[in-house]
Amino acid sequence: VNGSGDITLVVGEYVVELDAVDGKITLDCDARVAHKDGVLAGAQVILSEWPVLVPGANLISWTGVVDSVVISPRWRWL
């Protein structure tokens, strides 16, 4: 998420509150960590559960000043 100020990100039924964002903050939902340029930023993130994308369409919305939201997949093969 790239933006500024307080941001509320909604991914499906999951809500993530981001406090005092200044630039880019990365939410690694697989590892369950938030970081900014490699430095942990968990104090800026308020959530009850980490977001999960489900198969099919996923509604993604936000409030606040957001310049971009980028979702990067982690492909796995068994």
Protein backbone atom coordinates (compact mmCIF):
# COMPACT_ATOMS: atom_id res chain seq x y z
CA VAL A 1 0.00 0.00 0.00
CA ASN A 2 1.47 3.33 -0.99
CA GLY A 3 -0.13 6.42 0.53
CA SER A 4 -0.15 8.82 3.44
CA GLY A 5 -1.97 9.36 6.71
CA ASP A 6 -4.50 6.96 8.20
CA ILE A 7 -5.76 4.35 5.73
CA THR A 8 -8.44 1.70 6.03
CA LEU A 9 -7.92 -1.18 3.61
CA VAL A 10 -10.74 -3.67 3.04
CA VAL A 11 -9.97 -7.00 1.36
CA GLY A 12 -13.13 -9.07 1.09
CA GLU A 13 -14.40 -9.36 4.66
CA TYR A 14 -11.06 -8.38 6.24
CA VAL A 15 -10.38 -4.85 7.48
CA VAL A 16 -6.85 -3.53 8.00
CA GLU A 17 -6.24 -0.16 9.67
CA LEU A 18 -2.95 1.52 8.78
CA ASP A 19 -1.90 4.41 11.01
CA ALA A 20 0.31 7.33 9.97
CA VAL A 21 1.45 5.86 6.67
CA ASP A 22 4.19 7.85 4.95
CA GLY A 23 5.00 6.21 1.63
CA LYS A 24 4.93 2.47 1.05
CA ILE A 25 4.09 -0.17 3.65
CA THR A 26 4.14 -3.85 2.75
CA LEU A 27 1.70 -6.32 4.28
CA ASP A 28 3.12 -9.84 4.00
CA CYS A 29 0.00 -11.83 4.79
CA ASP A 30 1.78 -15.16 4.38
CA ALA A 31 4.49 -14.30 6.93
CA ARG A 32 2.04 -12.17 8.96
CA VAL A 33 4.32 -9.14 9.16
CA ALA A 34 4.18 -5.55 8.01
CA HIS A 35 7.31 -3.70 7.00
CA LYS A 36 8.49 -0.47 5.47
CA ASP A 37 11.73 -0.75 3.51
CA GLY A 38 12.68 -3.91 5.42
CA VAL A 39 12.00 -2.42 8.87
CA LEU A 40 9.12 -3.96 10.83
CA ALA A 41 6.09 -1.67 10.97
CA GLY A 42 3.63 -3.77 12.94
CA ALA A 43 2.83 -0.87 15.28
CA GLN A 44 1.18 0.91 12.34
CA VAL A 45 -1.16 -2.00 11.56
CA ILE A 46 -4.40 -2.83 13.39
CA LEU A 47 -6.30 -5.95 12.33
CA SER A 48 -8.13 -8.91 13.79
CA GLU A 49 -7.01 -11.31 11.05
CA TRP A 50 -4.61 -11.10 8.12
CA PRO A 51 -6.42 -10.77 4.79
CA VAL A 52 -6.86 -13.84 2.61
CA LEU A 53 -7.73 -13.78 -1.07
CA VAL A 54 -10.28 -16.42 -1.97
CA PRO A 55 -10.67 -18.05 -5.40
CA GLY A 56 -12.69 -15.86 -7.74
CA ALA A 57 -13.46 -12.18 -7.31
CA ASN A 58 -12.29 -10.31 -4.21
CA LEU A 59 -13.57 -6.83 -3.41
CA ILE A 60 -10.69 -4.51 -2.48
CA SER A 61 -11.39 -0.96 -1.34
CA TRP A 62 -9.88 1.70 0.87
CA THR A 63 -10.45 5.03 2.52
CA GLY A 64 -7.75 7.62 3.01
CA VAL A 65 -5.02 8.94 0.76
CA VAL A 66 -3.86 5.94 -1.28
CA ASP A 67 -1.65 6.28 -4.35
CA SER A 68 -1.55 2.56 -5.17
CA VAL A 69 -2.27 -0.95 -3.93
CA VAL A 70 -0.20 -3.77 -5.42
CA ILE A 71 -0.95 -7.45 -4.86
CA SER A 72 1.90 -9.84 -5.60
CA PRO A 73 1.11 -13.56 -5.79
CA ARG A 74 3.23 -16.30 -4.30
CA TRP A 75 2.77 -19.22 -6.63
CA ARG A 76 3.15 -22.68 -5.15
CA TRP A 77 3.36 -26.04 -6.83
CA LEU A 78 2.93 -29.39 -5.16
